[in-house]
Amino acid sequence: MKIGNIEFSDQPLFLAPMEDVTDHGFRLLCKRFGADMVYTEFVSSDALIRRVNKTEAKLKSSDAERPVAIQIYGREVDAMVEAAKICEEYNPDILDINFGCPVKKVAGKGAGSGMMRTPELMVEITREVVKAVKIPVTVKTRLGWDHDSKIIVDLAEQLQDAGIQALTIHGRTRSQMYTGEADWSLIGEVKNNPRMHIPIIGNGDVTDGMSCKKRFDETGVDAVMIGRGSIGCPWVFEEIKHYLSTGEDSPKQAFLWYMDVLKEIVTTNVEHTGERGGILHSRRHIAASPLFKGIADFKKTRIAMLRANTVEELFAIMDEIPSRFEV
């Protein structure tokens, strides 16, 4: 599989762009565990063209992350074109356009998956961004706005004609947000459309090797993107790749090994944003991590971890877990 001049191995795994999740440190961790490509947190074109420091800081990446994609969103053609040119200055391998974010502050203003209501504008933005930059442009989107307007099969052809070099499809509509099960049938229909010749990347509800293999086998997608399944669990890429290559689950590491990875997330965030900001930024990983699933009477400990205000306090609570619970 190739996107532009970037070559990937068979059945590659990508880390999905996620706000307040896919920062520099987490991207590096996921790369270490086998992610074939990583994406920045998405950035607003409007904020970017105003050169908002906090927004522009999200564009920075390192060679160790490559291939790395920057993702932008917006609903104005001129702003998206200008933002795309700014992104190109940061030398990403790929520029990705977000037409899939379902949250109200984005989609409610007509950006992200809100674009599903104005597909003509979506295609126009895509065409103009492709013309504005030299790097490959890709798109991430959803099946449609709601159950009655699943337009992705026709839309995929239009986006391809606009010049994108790969398309990622999340198997839900905007109205579903993240509820219900992702529907991969239409992703497969796009992939198997004889008129489509760009790589199709599937996204939605892939959390382990078995679910990933099923999606590759059933749809023939060129790559699978992992989103929420990686939060608090960057080792998921290694586990999935082991399953894809062997058909078996990978051997489990010792509990303390996983705990050390979570601590590394915290430490890296603290190094980049200070103690208070780093701890706040890490709480989502701690809350979502599957590491603590199934531990009896764990609620109070989880709350204590999420309320900790210093690294010393947080790590002290984490260090007590193996001795206080049977893990």
C-alpha atoms as a PDB file:
ATOM      1  CA  MET A   1       0.000   0.000   0.000  1.00  0.00           C
ATOM      2  CA  LYS A   2       1.185   3.508  -0.821  1.00  0.00           C
ATOM      3  CA  ILE A   3       0.000   6.998   0.005  1.00  0.00           C
ATOM      4  CA  GLY A   4       1.856   9.301  -2.318  1.00  0.00           C
ATOM      5  CA  ASN A   5       5.431   8.094  -2.160  1.00  0.00           C
ATOM      6  CA  ILE A   6       5.047   6.591   1.314  1.00  0.00           C
ATOM      7  CA  GLU A   7       5.123   2.806   1.281  1.00  0.00           C
ATOM      8  CA  PHE A   8       3.556   0.709   4.022  1.00  0.00           C
ATOM      9  CA  SER A   9       3.754  -2.973   4.819  1.00  0.00           C
ATOM     10  CA  ASP A  10       0.725  -5.225   4.402  1.00  0.00           C
ATOM     11  CA  GLN A  11      -2.166  -4.555   6.789  1.00  0.00           C
ATOM     12  CA  PRO A  12      -0.741  -1.394   8.390  1.00  0.00           C
ATOM     13  CA  LEU A  13      -2.174   0.112  11.566  1.00  0.00           C
ATOM     14  CA  PHE A  14      -2.618   3.873  11.987  1.00  0.00           C
ATOM     15  CA  LEU A  15      -3.108   5.911  15.162  1.00  0.00           C
ATOM     16  CA  ALA A  16      -6.235   8.039  14.761  1.00  0.00           C
ATOM     17  CA  PRO A  17      -6.052  11.790  15.387  1.00  0.00           C
ATOM     18  CA  MET A  18      -7.714  12.567  18.740  1.00  0.00           C
ATOM     19  CA  GLU A  19      -7.936  15.889  20.523  1.00  0.00           C
ATOM     20  CA  ASP A  20      -6.088  15.965  23.861  1.00  0.00           C
ATOM     21  CA  VAL A  21      -4.781  12.450  23.187  1.00  0.00           C
ATOM     22  CA  THR A  22      -2.416  12.230  20.221  1.00  0.00           C
ATOM     23  CA  ASP A  23       0.205  14.667  21.408  1.00  0.00           C
ATOM     24  CA  HIS A  24       3.917  14.253  20.673  1.00  0.00           C
ATOM     25  CA  GLY A  25       4.650  11.914  23.574  1.00  0.00           C
ATOM     26  CA  PHE A  26       1.726   9.580  22.928  1.00  0.00           C
ATOM     27  CA  ARG A  27       2.499   9.440  19.224  1.00  0.00           C
ATOM     28  CA  LEU A  28       6.060   8.355  20.005  1.00  0.00           C
ATOM     29  CA  LEU A  29       4.798   5.642  22.345  1.00  0.00           C
ATOM     30  CA  CYS A  30       2.403   4.301  19.740  1.00  0.00           C
ATOM     31  CA  LYS A  31       5.165   4.303  17.135  1.00  0.00           C
ATOM     32  CA  ARG A  32       7.342   2.329  19.515  1.00  0.00           C
ATOM     33  CA  PHE A  33       4.610  -0.276  19.855  1.00  0.00           C
ATOM     34  CA  GLY A  34       4.149  -0.626  16.115  1.00  0.00           C
ATOM     35  CA  ALA A  35       1.834   2.091  14.758  1.00  0.00           C
ATOM     36  CA  ASP A  36       2.702   2.495  11.076  1.00  0.00           C
ATOM     37  CA  MET A  37       1.527   6.093  10.890  1.00  0.00           C
ATOM     38  CA  VAL A  38       0.458   8.643  13.491  1.00  0.00           C
ATOM     39  CA  TYR A  39      -1.624  11.804  13.289  1.00  0.00           C
ATOM     40  CA  THR A  40      -1.491  15.028  15.266  1.00  0.00           C
ATOM     41  CA  GLU A  41      -4.420  16.295  17.255  1.00  0.00           C
ATOM     42  CA  PHE A  42      -6.693  18.071  14.794  1.00  0.00           C
ATOM     43  CA  VAL A  43      -6.225  21.829  14.485  1.00  0.00           C
ATOM     44  CA  SER A  44      -8.708  24.538  13.616  1.00  0.00           C
ATOM     45  CA  SER A  45      -8.009  26.335  10.360  1.00  0.00           C
ATOM     46  CA  ASP A  46      -9.460  29.541  11.800  1.00  0.00           C
ATOM     47  CA  ALA A  47      -7.125  29.434  14.812  1.00  0.00           C
ATOM     48  CA  LEU A  48      -4.191  28.466  12.639  1.00  0.00           C
ATOM     49  CA  ILE A  49      -4.491  31.381  10.234  1.00  0.00           C
ATOM     50  CA  ARG A  50      -4.615  33.687  13.255  1.00  0.00           C
ATOM     51  CA  ARG A  51      -1.332  32.063  14.297  1.00  0.00           C
ATOM     52  CA  VAL A  52      -2.659  31.115  17.746  1.00  0.00           C
ATOM     53  CA  ASN A  53       0.422  29.814  19.562  1.00  0.00           C
ATOM     54  CA  LYS A  54      -1.328  26.932  21.315  1.00  0.00           C
ATOM     55  CA  THR A  55      -2.787  25.735  18.016  1.00  0.00           C
ATOM     56  CA  GLU A  56       0.394  26.112  16.012  1.00  0.00           C
ATOM     57  CA  ALA A  57       2.328  24.184  18.682  1.00  0.00           C
ATOM     58  CA  LYS A  58       0.268  21.105  17.789  1.00  0.00           C
ATOM     59  CA  LEU A  59       1.874  21.045  14.343  1.00  0.00           C
ATOM     60  CA  LYS A  60       5.323  20.207  15.656  1.00  0.00           C
ATOM     61  CA  SER A  61       6.581  16.662  15.236  1.00  0.00           C
ATOM     62  CA  SER A  62       9.895  14.815  15.165  1.00  0.00           C
ATOM     63  CA  ASP A  63      11.594  12.528  12.667  1.00  0.00           C
ATOM     64  CA  ALA A  64      11.045   9.631  15.076  1.00  0.00           C
ATOM     65  CA  GLU A  65       7.307   9.894  14.422  1.00  0.00           C
ATOM     66  CA  ARG A  66       7.488   9.588  10.645  1.00  0.00           C
ATOM     67  CA  PRO A  67       5.412   9.035   8.708  1.00  0.00           C
ATOM     68  CA  VAL A  68       3.286  11.625  10.496  1.00  0.00           C
ATOM     69  CA  ALA A  69       0.159  13.440   9.309  1.00  0.00           C
ATOM     70  CA  ILE A  70      -1.209  16.804  10.370  1.00  0.00           C
ATOM     71  CA  GLN A  71      -4.992  17.043  10.462  1.00  0.00           C
ATOM     72  CA  ILE A  72      -6.965  20.271   9.997  1.00  0.00           C
ATOM     73  CA  TYR A  73     -10.648  21.139  10.088  1.00  0.00           C
ATOM     74  CA  GLY A  74     -12.802  24.076   9.082  1.00  0.00           C
ATOM     75  CA  ARG A  75     -15.649  25.125   6.797  1.00  0.00           C
ATOM     76  CA  GLU A  76     -14.303  28.078   4.814  1.00  0.00           C
ATOM     77  CA  VAL A  77     -12.421  27.402   1.595  1.00  0.00           C
ATOM     78  CA  ASP A  78      -9.950  30.274   1.894  1.00  0.00           C
ATOM     79  CA  ALA A  79      -9.169  29.572   5.552  1.00  0.00           C
ATOM     80  CA  MET A  80      -8.605  25.879   4.877  1.00  0.00           C
ATOM     81  CA  VAL A  81      -6.285  26.661   1.957  1.00  0.00           C
ATOM     82  CA  GLU A  82      -4.251  29.129   4.006  1.00  0.00           C
ATOM     83  CA  ALA A  83      -4.120  26.716   6.965  1.00  0.00           C
ATOM     84  CA  ALA A  84      -2.960  23.912   4.676  1.00  0.00           C
ATOM     85  CA  LYS A  85      -0.049  26.053   3.492  1.00  0.00           C
ATOM     86  CA  ILE A  86       0.930  26.801   7.106  1.00  0.00           C
ATOM     87  CA  CYS A  87       0.846  23.086   7.915  1.00  0.00           C
ATOM     88  CA  GLU A  88       3.104  22.346   4.971  1.00  0.00           C
ATOM     89  CA  GLU A  89       5.749  24.631   6.512  1.00  0.00           C
ATOM     90  CA  TYR A  90       6.057  22.087   9.350  1.00  0.00           C
ATOM     91  CA  ASN A  91       7.017  19.366   6.868  1.00  0.00           C
ATOM     92  CA  PRO A  92       4.514  16.605   7.652  1.00  0.00           C
ATOM     93  CA  ASP A  93       4.411  13.570   5.393  1.00  0.00           C
ATOM     94  CA  ILE A  94       0.665  13.928   4.819  1.00  0.00           C
ATOM     95  CA  LEU A  95      -2.019  16.572   5.288  1.00  0.00           C
ATOM     96  CA  ASP A  96      -5.342  15.124   6.428  1.00  0.00           C
ATOM     97  CA  ILE A  97      -8.674  16.944   6.317  1.00  0.00           C
ATOM     98  CA  ASN A  98     -11.131  16.204   9.115  1.00  0.00           C
ATOM     99  CA  PHE A  99     -14.668  15.809   7.825  1.00  0.00           C
ATOM    100  CA  GLY A 100     -15.563  13.349  10.569  1.00  0.00           C
ATOM    101  CA  CYS A 101     -15.493  14.978  14.022  1.00  0.00           C
ATOM    102  CA  PRO A 102     -19.042  14.722  15.441  1.00  0.00           C
ATOM    103  CA  VAL A 103     -18.785  16.948  18.536  1.00  0.00           C
ATOM    104  CA  LYS A 104     -21.177  19.867  18.702  1.00  0.00           C
ATOM    105  CA  LYS A 105     -18.577  22.642  18.850  1.00  0.00           C
ATOM    106  CA  VAL A 106     -17.186  21.421  15.509  1.00  0.00           C
ATOM    107  CA  ALA A 107     -20.003  19.706  13.595  1.00  0.00           C
ATOM    108  CA  GLY A 108     -22.611  22.140  14.915  1.00  0.00           C
ATOM    109  CA  LYS A 109     -20.760  24.941  13.160  1.00  0.00           C
ATOM    110  CA  GLY A 110     -20.666  23.084   9.870  1.00  0.00           C
ATOM    111  CA  ALA A 111     -17.113  21.740  10.130  1.00  0.00           C
ATOM    112  CA  GLY A 112     -15.986  18.164  10.786  1.00  0.00           C
ATOM    113  CA  SER A 113     -18.861  15.782  10.127  1.00  0.00           C
ATOM    114  CA  GLY A 114     -21.108  18.828   9.796  1.00  0.00           C
ATOM    115  CA  MET A 115     -19.759  18.896   6.248  1.00  0.00           C
ATOM    116  CA  MET A 116     -21.900  15.836   5.512  1.00  0.00           C
ATOM    117  CA  ARG A 117     -24.786  18.282   5.152  1.00  0.00           C
ATOM    118  CA  THR A 118     -22.904  20.244   2.484  1.00  0.00           C
ATOM    119  CA  PRO A 119     -21.033  17.647   0.429  1.00  0.00           C
ATOM    120  CA  GLU A 120     -20.504  20.062  -2.456  1.00  0.00           C
ATOM    121  CA  LEU A 121     -18.606  22.419  -0.149  1.00  0.00           C
ATOM    122  CA  MET A 122     -16.671  19.473   1.272  1.00  0.00           C
ATOM    123  CA  VAL A 123     -15.505  18.495  -2.203  1.00  0.00           C
ATOM    124  CA  GLU A 124     -14.659  22.111  -3.083  1.00  0.00           C
ATOM    125  CA  ILE A 125     -12.535  22.530   0.052  1.00  0.00           C
ATOM    126  CA  THR A 126     -10.779  19.265  -0.706  1.00  0.00           C
ATOM    127  CA  ARG A 127     -10.053  20.213  -4.310  1.00  0.00           C
ATOM    128  CA  GLU A 128      -8.636  23.623  -3.359  1.00  0.00           C
ATOM    129  CA  VAL A 129      -6.479  22.237  -0.535  1.00  0.00           C
ATOM    130  CA  VAL A 130      -5.058  19.576  -2.861  1.00  0.00           C
ATOM    131  CA  LYS A 131      -4.103  22.312  -5.342  1.00  0.00           C
ATOM    132  CA  ALA A 132      -2.553  24.478  -2.621  1.00  0.00           C
ATOM    133  CA  VAL A 133       0.066  22.037  -1.263  1.00  0.00           C
ATOM    134  CA  LYS A 134       2.658  19.666  -2.669  1.00  0.00           C
ATOM    135  CA  ILE A 135       2.342  16.933  -0.022  1.00  0.00           C
ATOM    136  CA  PRO A 136      -0.300  14.168  -0.267  1.00  0.00           C
ATOM    137  CA  VAL A 137      -3.752  15.174   0.967  1.00  0.00           C
ATOM    138  CA  THR A 138      -6.082  12.632   2.573  1.00  0.00           C
ATOM    139  CA  VAL A 139      -9.556  12.841   4.114  1.00  0.00           C
ATOM    140  CA  LYS A 140     -11.171  11.306   7.190  1.00  0.00           C
ATOM    141  CA  THR A 141     -14.962  11.254   7.270  1.00  0.00           C
ATOM    142  CA  ARG A 142     -18.065   9.271   8.275  1.00  0.00           C
ATOM    143  CA  LEU A 143     -20.847   7.363   6.542  1.00  0.00           C
ATOM    144  CA  GLY A 144     -23.173  10.352   6.435  1.00  0.00           C
ATOM    145  CA  TRP A 145     -25.061  12.801   8.634  1.00  0.00           C
ATOM    146  CA  ASP A 146     -27.680  10.306   9.845  1.00  0.00           C
ATOM    147  CA  HIS A 147     -29.225   6.926   9.054  1.00  0.00           C
ATOM    148  CA  ASP A 148     -31.244   8.358   6.170  1.00  0.00           C
ATOM    149  CA  SER A 149     -28.329  10.117   4.485  1.00  0.00           C
ATOM    150  CA  LYS A 150     -25.461   7.663   4.230  1.00  0.00           C
ATOM    151  CA  ILE A 151     -23.747   9.223   1.235  1.00  0.00           C
ATOM    152  CA  ILE A 152     -20.257   7.794   1.622  1.00  0.00           C
ATOM    153  CA  VAL A 153     -20.216   5.516  -1.463  1.00  0.00           C
ATOM    154  CA  ASP A 154     -20.880   8.348  -3.915  1.00  0.00           C
ATOM    155  CA  LEU A 155     -18.976  10.878  -1.831  1.00  0.00           C
ATOM    156  CA  ALA A 156     -15.844   8.719  -1.827  1.00  0.00           C
ATOM    157  CA  GLU A 157     -15.693   8.869  -5.616  1.00  0.00           C
ATOM    158  CA  GLN A 158     -16.094  12.648  -5.570  1.00  0.00           C
ATOM    159  CA  LEU A 159     -13.323  13.068  -3.001  1.00  0.00           C
ATOM    160  CA  GLN A 160     -11.075  10.814  -5.052  1.00  0.00           C
ATOM    161  CA  ASP A 161     -11.800  12.940  -8.122  1.00  0.00           C
ATOM    162  CA  ALA A 162     -10.885  16.021  -6.073  1.00  0.00           C
ATOM    163  CA  GLY A 163      -7.366  14.638  -5.752  1.00  0.00           C
ATOM    164  CA  ILE A 164      -7.021  12.955  -2.368  1.00  0.00           C
ATOM    165  CA  GLN A 165      -4.572  10.082  -2.125  1.00  0.00           C
ATOM    166  CA  ALA A 166      -6.299   8.053   0.617  1.00  0.00           C
ATOM    167  CA  LEU A 167      -9.637   8.045   2.425  1.00  0.00           C
ATOM    168  CA  THR A 168     -10.364   7.063   6.019  1.00  0.00           C
ATOM    169  CA  ILE A 169     -13.948   6.154   6.859  1.00  0.00           C
ATOM    170  CA  HIS A 170     -15.334   5.871  10.373  1.00  0.00           C
ATOM    171  CA  GLY A 171     -18.204   3.415  10.304  1.00  0.00           C
ATOM    172  CA  ARG A 172     -20.801   5.640  11.973  1.00  0.00           C
ATOM    173  CA  THR A 173     -22.965   8.601  11.020  1.00  0.00           C
ATOM    174  CA  ARG A 174     -22.632  11.940  12.735  1.00  0.00           C
ATOM    175  CA  SER A 175     -25.927  11.437  14.565  1.00  0.00           C
ATOM    176  CA  GLN A 176     -24.564   8.242  16.121  1.00  0.00           C
ATOM    177  CA  MET A 177     -21.612  10.114  17.616  1.00  0.00           C
ATOM    178  CA  TYR A 178     -19.757   7.159  19.216  1.00  0.00           C
ATOM    179  CA  THR A 179     -22.804   5.101  20.179  1.00  0.00           C
ATOM    180  CA  GLY A 180     -23.906   1.772  18.779  1.00  0.00           C
ATOM    181  CA  GLU A 181     -21.664  -0.429  16.697  1.00  0.00           C
ATOM    182  CA  ALA A 182     -19.569   0.803  13.797  1.00  0.00           C
ATOM    183  CA  ASP A 183     -21.012  -0.372  10.465  1.00  0.00           C
ATOM    184  CA  TRP A 184     -18.171  -1.613   8.268  1.00  0.00           C
ATOM    185  CA  SER A 185     -20.436  -2.838   5.447  1.00  0.00           C
ATOM    186  CA  LEU A 186     -20.385   0.520   3.667  1.00  0.00           C
ATOM    187  CA  ILE A 187     -16.636   0.831   4.241  1.00  0.00           C
ATOM    188  CA  GLY A 188     -16.306  -2.477   2.414  1.00  0.00           C
ATOM    189  CA  GLU A 189     -18.616  -1.252  -0.331  1.00  0.00           C
ATOM    190  CA  VAL A 190     -16.385   1.775  -0.902  1.00  0.00           C
ATOM    191  CA  LYS A 191     -13.253  -0.390  -0.881  1.00  0.00           C
ATOM    192  CA  ASN A 192     -14.740  -2.849  -3.376  1.00  0.00           C
ATOM    193  CA  ASN A 193     -16.124  -0.198  -5.710  1.00  0.00           C
ATOM    194  CA  PRO A 194     -14.230  -0.851  -8.971  1.00  0.00           C
ATOM    195  CA  ARG A 195     -14.073   2.890  -9.598  1.00  0.00           C
ATOM    196  CA  MET A 196     -12.036   3.478  -6.430  1.00  0.00           C
ATOM    197  CA  HIS A 197      -8.272   3.222  -6.787  1.00  0.00           C
ATOM    198  CA  ILE A 198      -6.956   5.094  -3.718  1.00  0.00           C
ATOM    199  CA  PRO A 199      -6.264   3.309  -0.399  1.00  0.00           C
ATOM    200  CA  ILE A 200      -9.276   2.966   1.901  1.00  0.00           C
ATOM    201  CA  ILE A 201      -8.623   3.016   5.643  1.00  0.00           C
ATOM    202  CA  GLY A 202     -11.280   1.649   7.995  1.00  0.00           C
ATOM    203  CA  ASN A 203     -11.962   3.018  11.464  1.00  0.00           C
ATOM    204  CA  GLY A 204     -14.337   2.158  14.279  1.00  0.00           C
ATOM    205  CA  ASP A 205     -14.500  -0.296  17.203  1.00  0.00           C
ATOM    206  CA  VAL A 206     -11.201  -2.066  16.513  1.00  0.00           C
ATOM    207  CA  THR A 207      -9.707  -2.820  19.920  1.00  0.00           C
ATOM    208  CA  ASP A 208      -7.874  -6.120  19.548  1.00  0.00           C
ATOM    209  CA  GLY A 209      -6.337  -8.516  17.080  1.00  0.00           C
ATOM    210  CA  MET A 210      -9.457 -10.533  16.419  1.00  0.00           C
ATOM    211  CA  SER A 211     -11.636  -7.518  15.592  1.00  0.00           C
ATOM    212  CA  CYS A 212      -8.885  -6.069  13.406  1.00  0.00           C
ATOM    213  CA  LYS A 213      -8.356  -9.288  11.432  1.00  0.00           C
ATOM    214  CA  LYS A 214     -12.115  -9.569  10.911  1.00  0.00           C
ATOM    215  CA  ARG A 215     -12.236  -6.098   9.368  1.00  0.00           C
ATOM    216  CA  PHE A 216      -9.295  -6.727   7.068  1.00  0.00           C
ATOM    217  CA  ASP A 217     -10.729 -10.079   5.972  1.00  0.00           C
ATOM    218  CA  GLU A 218     -14.334  -8.952   5.485  1.00  0.00           C
ATOM    219  CA  THR A 219     -13.762  -5.602   3.773  1.00  0.00           C
ATOM    220  CA  GLY A 220     -10.316  -5.808   2.195  1.00  0.00           C
ATOM    221  CA  VAL A 221      -9.427  -2.342   3.495  1.00  0.00           C
ATOM    222  CA  ASP A 222      -5.847  -1.245   2.927  1.00  0.00           C
ATOM    223  CA  ALA A 223      -5.263  -0.168   6.532  1.00  0.00           C
ATOM    224  CA  VAL A 224      -7.053   0.006   9.865  1.00  0.00           C
ATOM    225  CA  MET A 225      -7.046   3.085  12.068  1.00  0.00           C
ATOM    226  CA  ILE A 226      -7.138   2.662  15.849  1.00  0.00           C
ATOM    227  CA  GLY A 227      -8.695   5.454  17.889  1.00  0.00           C
ATOM    228  CA  ARG A 228     -10.310   5.022  21.289  1.00  0.00           C
ATOM    229  CA  GLY A 229      -8.877   1.522  21.572  1.00  0.00           C
ATOM    230  CA  SER A 230      -5.420   3.050  22.024  1.00  0.00           C
ATOM    231  CA  ILE A 231      -6.285   5.481  24.835  1.00  0.00           C
ATOM    232  CA  GLY A 232      -4.461   4.330  27.941  1.00  0.00           C
ATOM    233  CA  CYS A 233      -3.351   1.338  25.908  1.00  0.00           C
ATOM    234  CA  PRO A 234      -0.601   2.249  23.385  1.00  0.00           C
ATOM    235  CA  TRP A 235       0.594  -1.370  23.442  1.00  0.00           C
ATOM    236  CA  VAL A 236      -2.560  -2.326  21.505  1.00  0.00           C
ATOM    237  CA  PHE A 237      -0.658  -1.897  18.228  1.00  0.00           C
ATOM    238  CA  GLU A 238       1.894  -4.520  19.244  1.00  0.00           C
ATOM    239  CA  GLU A 239      -0.829  -6.908  20.386  1.00  0.00           C
ATOM    240  CA  ILE A 240      -2.818  -6.540  17.164  1.00  0.00           C
ATOM    241  CA  LYS A 241       0.226  -7.027  14.961  1.00  0.00           C
ATOM    242  CA  HIS A 242       1.111 -10.196  16.839  1.00  0.00           C
ATOM    243  CA  TYR A 243      -2.399 -11.535  16.224  1.00  0.00           C
ATOM    244  CA  LEU A 244      -2.345 -10.600  12.547  1.00  0.00           C
ATOM    245  CA  SER A 245       0.921 -12.430  12.029  1.00  0.00           C
ATOM    246  CA  THR A 246       0.267 -15.498  14.201  1.00  0.00           C
ATOM    247  CA  GLY A 247      -3.507 -15.812  14.649  1.00  0.00           C
ATOM    248  CA  GLU A 248      -2.951 -15.912  18.406  1.00  0.00           C
ATOM    249  CA  ASP A 249      -3.122 -13.408  21.220  1.00  0.00           C
ATOM    250  CA  SER A 250       0.264 -12.119  22.320  1.00  0.00           C
ATOM    251  CA  PRO A 251       1.597 -13.282  25.704  1.00  0.00           C
ATOM    252  CA  LYS A 252       0.624 -10.934  28.515  1.00  0.00           C
ATOM    253  CA  GLN A 253       3.283  -8.843  30.190  1.00  0.00           C
ATOM    254  CA  ALA A 254       3.559  -8.495  33.951  1.00  0.00           C
ATOM    255  CA  PHE A 255       1.092  -6.004  35.461  1.00  0.00           C
ATOM    256  CA  LEU A 256       3.937  -3.693  36.469  1.00  0.00           C
ATOM    257  CA  TRP A 257       5.133  -3.534  32.857  1.00  0.00           C
ATOM    258  CA  TYR A 258       1.826  -2.002  31.770  1.00  0.00           C
ATOM    259  CA  MET A 259       1.858   0.276  34.803  1.00  0.00           C
ATOM    260  CA  ASP A 260       5.283   1.563  33.774  1.00  0.00           C
ATOM    261  CA  VAL A 261       3.908   2.455  30.334  1.00  0.00           C
ATOM    262  CA  LEU A 262       1.090   4.460  31.932  1.00  0.00           C
ATOM    263  CA  LYS A 263       3.626   6.202  34.138  1.00  0.00           C
ATOM    264  CA  GLU A 264       5.647   7.033  31.043  1.00  0.00           C
ATOM    265  CA  ILE A 265       2.592   8.737  29.555  1.00  0.00           C
ATOM    266  CA  VAL A 266       2.315  10.869  32.685  1.00  0.00           C
ATOM    267  CA  THR A 267       6.034  11.652  32.828  1.00  0.00           C
ATOM    268  CA  THR A 268       6.177  12.672  29.182  1.00  0.00           C
ATOM    269  CA  ASN A 269       3.148  14.933  29.517  1.00  0.00           C
ATOM    270  CA  VAL A 270       4.611  16.582  32.612  1.00  0.00           C
ATOM    271  CA  GLU A 271       7.895  17.208  30.796  1.00  0.00           C
ATOM    272  CA  HIS A 272       6.036  18.980  27.982  1.00  0.00           C
ATOM    273  CA  THR A 273       3.351  20.927  29.860  1.00  0.00           C
ATOM    274  CA  GLY A 274       4.389  21.109  33.507  1.00  0.00           C
ATOM    275  CA  GLU A 275       3.172  19.071  36.437  1.00  0.00           C
ATOM    276  CA  ARG A 276      -0.390  20.363  36.684  1.00  0.00           C
ATOM    277  CA  GLY A 277      -1.046  20.372  32.941  1.00  0.00           C
ATOM    278  CA  GLY A 278       0.681  17.046  32.429  1.00  0.00           C
ATOM    279  CA  ILE A 279      -1.418  15.311  35.069  1.00  0.00           C
ATOM    280  CA  LEU A 280      -4.643  16.776  33.682  1.00  0.00           C
ATOM    281  CA  HIS A 281      -3.644  15.666  30.191  1.00  0.00           C
ATOM    282  CA  SER A 282      -2.937  12.127  31.434  1.00  0.00           C
ATOM    283  CA  ARG A 283      -6.200  11.591  33.260  1.00  0.00           C
ATOM    284  CA  ARG A 284      -8.032  10.442  30.147  1.00  0.00           C
ATOM    285  CA  HIS A 285      -5.484   7.665  29.630  1.00  0.00           C
ATOM    286  CA  ILE A 286      -5.720   6.579  33.261  1.00  0.00           C
ATOM    287  CA  ALA A 287      -9.530   6.618  33.221  1.00  0.00           C
ATOM    288  CA  ALA A 288      -9.814   4.715  29.928  1.00  0.00           C
ATOM    289  CA  SER A 289      -7.010   2.209  30.346  1.00  0.00           C
ATOM    290  CA  PRO A 290      -8.194  -1.407  30.191  1.00  0.00           C
ATOM    291  CA  LEU A 291      -5.407  -2.291  32.619  1.00  0.00           C
ATOM    292  CA  PHE A 292      -7.707  -1.806  35.609  1.00  0.00           C
ATOM    293  CA  LYS A 293     -10.769  -3.539  34.164  1.00  0.00           C
ATOM    294  CA  GLY A 294     -12.074  -6.377  36.267  1.00  0.00           C
ATOM    295  CA  ILE A 295     -10.269  -5.378  39.466  1.00  0.00           C
ATOM    296  CA  ALA A 296     -12.826  -5.728  42.248  1.00  0.00           C
ATOM    297  CA  ASP A 297     -13.631  -2.738  44.465  1.00  0.00           C
ATOM    298  CA  PHE A 298     -11.417  -0.495  42.354  1.00  0.00           C
ATOM    299  CA  LYS A 299     -13.707   2.542  42.097  1.00  0.00           C
ATOM    300  CA  LYS A 300     -12.216   4.463  45.026  1.00  0.00           C
ATOM    301  CA  THR A 301      -8.692   3.902  43.780  1.00  0.00           C
ATOM    302  CA  ARG A 302      -9.609   5.075  40.283  1.00  0.00           C
ATOM    303  CA  ILE A 303     -11.181   8.237  41.700  1.00  0.00           C
ATOM    304  CA  ALA A 304      -8.105   8.842  43.848  1.00  0.00           C
ATOM    305  CA  MET A 305      -5.837   8.566  40.796  1.00  0.00           C
ATOM    306  CA  LEU A 306      -7.986  11.030  38.875  1.00  0.00           C
ATOM    307  CA  ARG A 307      -7.939  13.493  41.777  1.00  0.00           C
ATOM    308  CA  ALA A 308      -4.195  13.371  42.363  1.00  0.00           C
ATOM    309  CA  ASN A 309      -2.559  16.782  41.874  1.00  0.00           C
ATOM    310  CA  THR A 310       1.120  15.840  41.887  1.00  0.00           C
ATOM    311  CA  VAL A 311       3.167  13.153  40.204  1.00  0.00           C
ATOM    312  CA  GLU A 312       4.378  11.932  43.585  1.00  0.00           C
ATOM    313  CA  GLU A 313       0.803  11.512  44.832  1.00  0.00           C
ATOM    314  CA  LEU A 314      -0.374   9.822  41.636  1.00  0.00           C
ATOM    315  CA  PHE A 315       2.526   7.389  41.439  1.00  0.00           C
ATOM    316  CA  ALA A 316       2.168   6.518  45.130  1.00  0.00           C
ATOM    317  CA  ILE A 317      -1.429   5.472  44.500  1.00  0.00           C
ATOM    318  CA  MET A 318      -0.422   3.511  41.399  1.00  0.00           C
ATOM    319  CA  ASP A 319       2.381   1.755  43.287  1.00  0.00           C
ATOM    320  CA  GLU A 320      -0.079   0.504  45.904  1.00  0.00           C
ATOM    321  CA  ILE A 321      -2.341  -1.202  43.376  1.00  0.00           C
ATOM    322  CA  PRO A 322      -0.439  -4.496  42.977  1.00  0.00           C
ATOM    323  CA  SER A 323      -0.191  -4.977  46.744  1.00  0.00           C
ATOM    324  CA  ARG A 324      -3.776  -3.992  47.548  1.00  0.00           C
ATOM    325  CA  PHE A 325      -5.514  -5.920  44.814  1.00  0.00           C
ATOM    326  CA  GLU A 326      -5.070  -9.305  43.221  1.00  0.00           C
ATOM    327  CA  VAL A 327      -3.773  -8.400  39.774  1.00  0.00           C
END
